Amino acid sequence: MIIMASSSGTPVPAIARLVAADEDTVRDVVHVFNERGLAALDPQWAGGRPRLISDDDIAFVVSTATTRPGALGRPFTHWSVRKLAAYLSNNPDRRVRVSRERLRQLLREHRVSFQRTRTWKESHDPDKETKLDRIEEVTSKFPKPVLRVRPVRAGVDPALPRQHLGCGCPKLCTPHATC
């Protein structure tokens, strides 16, 4: 409205009253339009606080969260949000400072979930690390399950008559009928 009113020759005080704005704001809008053209009408404002964590940091957080803690020299079997946040903020190679709540949100956005920490002991299988590496290799190559095999259970409707085994009767009997 400011640009249209200005182009028709309306004075700045009248435009300011028309759009309920300050006269300096009207002048600023007209000057920016004269400098940048139509691009000034779409200012691309971003609300809120500027991002403190980059996309590279987010990728590092997700890759760390999907790596076993033992492979990174940590003495536990599963990550928790608290342990992961502490590891990321104290990592000597790359420090990422992120709150636990923001970390939880990032992991949920990238569909990374943690299991509850178990209290039983670690496996004594000598090939455990090899097997876990193979599982990670396969799941990274095939992120979605290709073939899913489930056991088939036949459902039995109790309202249908049944044939009792061993009764010697060729007809179908009800469960409480006598042959």
Protein backbone atom coordinates (compact mmCIF):
# COMPACT_ATOMS: atom_id res chain seq x y z
CA MET A 1 0.00 0.00 0.00
CA ILE A 2 2.86 2.33 0.81
CA ILE A 3 4.43 1.93 -2.64
CA MET A 4 1.11 2.31 -4.48
CA ALA A 5 0.18 5.42 -2.48
CA SER A 6 3.63 6.90 -3.02
CA SER A 7 3.51 6.25 -6.77
CA SER A 8 0.16 8.08 -7.01
CA GLY A 9 1.72 11.18 -5.41
CA THR A 10 0.25 10.93 -1.91
CA PRO A 11 2.39 12.81 0.63
CA VAL A 12 4.27 10.83 3.31
CA PRO A 13 2.19 12.09 6.30
CA ALA A 14 -1.02 10.97 4.59
CA ILE A 15 0.48 7.54 3.75
CA ALA A 16 1.61 7.15 7.38
CA ARG A 17 -1.93 7.86 8.60
CA LEU A 18 -3.37 5.48 5.99
CA VAL A 19 -1.22 2.48 7.02
CA ALA A 20 -0.98 3.44 10.72
CA ALA A 21 2.80 3.66 10.64
CA ASP A 22 5.47 6.23 11.45
CA GLU A 23 6.51 8.66 8.72
CA ASP A 24 10.13 7.48 8.97
CA THR A 25 8.98 3.90 8.32
CA VAL A 26 7.12 5.04 5.19
CA ARG A 27 10.21 6.88 3.93
CA ASP A 28 12.43 3.84 4.64
CA VAL A 29 10.10 1.54 2.69
CA VAL A 30 10.01 3.91 -0.29
CA HIS A 31 13.82 4.33 -0.31
CA VAL A 32 14.43 0.56 -0.08
CA PHE A 33 11.95 0.01 -2.92
CA ASN A 34 13.75 2.59 -5.06
CA GLU A 35 17.09 0.83 -4.41
CA ARG A 36 16.09 -2.85 -4.70
CA GLY A 37 12.87 -2.83 -6.69
CA LEU A 38 10.26 -5.54 -6.12
CA ALA A 39 12.71 -7.62 -4.04
CA ALA A 40 12.22 -5.06 -1.24
CA LEU A 41 8.57 -6.12 -0.93
CA ASP A 42 9.57 -9.62 0.20
CA PRO A 43 12.16 -8.94 2.91
CA GLN A 44 12.83 -12.61 3.89
CA TRP A 45 12.72 -11.99 7.61
CA ALA A 46 13.55 -14.86 9.89
CA GLY A 47 11.90 -14.70 13.25
CA GLY A 48 13.47 -15.77 16.48
CA ARG A 49 16.97 -16.25 17.64
CA PRO A 50 19.66 -17.13 15.08
CA ARG A 51 20.66 -20.78 14.89
CA LEU A 52 23.57 -21.75 17.08
CA ILE A 53 24.01 -25.23 15.61
CA SER A 54 24.81 -25.80 11.94
CA ASP A 55 23.64 -28.55 9.61
CA ASP A 56 27.10 -30.14 9.82
CA ASP A 57 26.80 -30.19 13.61
CA ILE A 58 23.38 -31.85 13.35
CA ALA A 59 24.78 -34.51 11.01
CA PHE A 60 27.64 -35.11 13.47
CA VAL A 61 25.17 -35.44 16.36
CA VAL A 62 23.05 -37.97 14.46
CA SER A 63 26.06 -40.01 13.36
CA THR A 64 27.40 -40.04 16.92
CA ALA A 65 24.02 -41.09 18.30
CA THR A 66 23.79 -43.99 15.86
CA THR A 67 27.30 -45.21 16.70
CA ARG A 68 27.78 -47.63 19.57
CA PRO A 69 29.34 -45.92 22.59
CA GLY A 70 31.90 -48.71 22.87
CA ALA A 71 33.17 -47.90 19.38
CA LEU A 72 33.85 -44.34 20.56
CA GLY A 73 35.70 -45.46 23.68
CA ARG A 74 32.81 -44.97 26.10
CA PRO A 75 32.35 -47.62 28.82
CA PHE A 76 28.60 -48.18 28.40
CA THR A 77 26.39 -50.11 25.97
CA HIS A 78 23.70 -47.58 25.05
CA TRP A 79 23.47 -43.81 24.77
CA SER A 80 21.13 -41.77 26.89
CA VAL A 81 20.36 -38.16 26.05
CA ARG A 82 22.34 -37.00 29.08
CA LYS A 83 25.40 -39.12 28.22
CA LEU A 84 25.29 -38.10 24.56
CA ALA A 85 25.05 -34.38 25.41
CA ALA A 86 28.01 -34.72 27.79
CA TYR A 87 30.06 -36.60 25.17
CA LEU A 88 29.31 -34.00 22.47
CA SER A 89 30.22 -31.04 24.67
CA ASN A 90 33.49 -32.66 25.88
CA ASN A 91 34.57 -34.28 22.61
CA PRO A 92 38.16 -33.18 21.89
CA ASP A 93 37.82 -33.63 18.11
CA ARG A 94 34.60 -31.68 17.61
CA ARG A 95 32.63 -29.89 20.29
CA VAL A 96 28.92 -29.43 19.83
CA ARG A 97 27.18 -27.61 22.64
CA VAL A 98 23.50 -28.48 22.62
CA SER A 99 20.96 -28.67 25.41
CA ARG A 100 19.41 -31.99 26.29
CA GLU A 101 15.98 -30.81 25.17
CA ARG A 102 17.25 -29.63 21.77
CA LEU A 103 19.23 -32.86 21.43
CA ARG A 104 16.07 -34.86 22.15
CA GLN A 105 14.20 -32.85 19.49
CA LEU A 106 16.97 -33.36 16.90
CA LEU A 107 17.04 -37.09 17.51
CA ARG A 108 13.26 -37.34 17.22
CA GLU A 109 13.35 -35.38 13.93
CA HIS A 110 15.90 -37.85 12.56
CA ARG A 111 14.04 -40.89 13.97
CA VAL A 112 16.80 -41.92 16.35
CA SER A 113 15.55 -43.51 19.54
CA PHE A 114 17.38 -44.90 22.52
CA GLN A 115 16.66 -48.02 24.46
CA ARG A 116 16.39 -47.88 28.17
CA THR A 117 19.73 -48.70 29.80
CA ARG A 118 19.81 -52.34 30.84
CA THR A 119 21.12 -53.47 34.18
CA TRP A 120 22.40 -56.88 33.16
CA LYS A 121 25.98 -57.54 32.19
CA GLU A 122 27.62 -57.21 28.82
CA SER A 123 27.74 -60.20 26.47
CA HIS A 124 30.73 -62.56 26.80
CA ASP A 125 30.59 -63.60 23.15
CA PRO A 126 34.13 -63.20 21.70
CA ASP A 127 32.67 -62.40 18.25
CA LYS A 128 30.26 -59.78 19.57
CA GLU A 129 32.03 -56.78 18.03
CA THR A 130 32.31 -58.51 14.64
CA LYS A 131 28.62 -59.38 14.70
CA LEU A 132 27.61 -55.85 15.71
CA ASP A 133 29.80 -54.39 12.94
CA ARG A 134 28.10 -56.68 10.43
CA ILE A 135 24.66 -55.62 11.66
CA GLU A 136 25.61 -51.94 11.30
CA GLU A 137 26.98 -52.58 7.81
CA VAL A 138 23.79 -54.31 6.66
CA THR A 139 21.46 -51.75 8.22
CA SER A 140 23.40 -48.89 6.64
CA LYS A 141 23.18 -50.51 3.18
CA PHE A 142 19.50 -51.42 3.54
CA PRO A 143 17.83 -48.86 5.80
CA LYS A 144 14.33 -50.14 5.05
CA PRO A 145 13.42 -53.79 5.50
CA VAL A 146 13.22 -55.49 2.11
CA LEU A 147 11.62 -58.75 3.14
CA ARG A 148 9.73 -59.36 6.30
CA VAL A 149 8.82 -62.86 7.33
CA ARG A 150 6.27 -63.39 10.05
CA PRO A 151 4.90 -66.63 11.43
CA VAL A 152 1.38 -67.36 10.28
CA ARG A 153 -1.20 -68.23 12.89
CA ALA A 154 -4.50 -69.58 11.75
CA GLY A 155 -7.42 -67.94 13.44
CA VAL A 156 -10.19 -70.24 14.65
CA ASP A 157 -13.72 -68.96 14.90
CA PRO A 158 -15.32 -70.53 18.00
CA ALA A 159 -18.77 -70.21 16.45
CA LEU A 160 -17.95 -72.68 13.64
CA PRO A 161 -18.46 -76.40 14.21
CA ARG A 162 -15.29 -78.44 14.67
CA GLN A 163 -14.38 -81.96 13.87
CA HIS A 164 -13.01 -83.71 16.90
CA LEU A 165 -10.01 -85.84 16.28
CA GLY A 166 -10.43 -89.45 17.21
CA CYS A 167 -14.21 -89.46 17.53
CA GLY A 168 -14.61 -91.68 14.43
CA CYS A 169 -17.50 -89.62 13.21
CA PRO A 170 -17.27 -88.38 9.59
CA LYS A 171 -19.63 -85.46 10.25
CA LEU A 172 -18.73 -82.18 11.91
CA CYS A 173 -19.61 -82.11 15.59
CA THR A 174 -20.15 -79.33 18.02
CA PRO A 175 -17.68 -79.41 20.93
CA HIS A 176 -20.22 -80.62 23.47
CA ALA A 177 -22.19 -83.01 21.29
CA THR A 178 -21.85 -86.70 21.72
CA CYS A 179 -21.39 -88.88 18.69
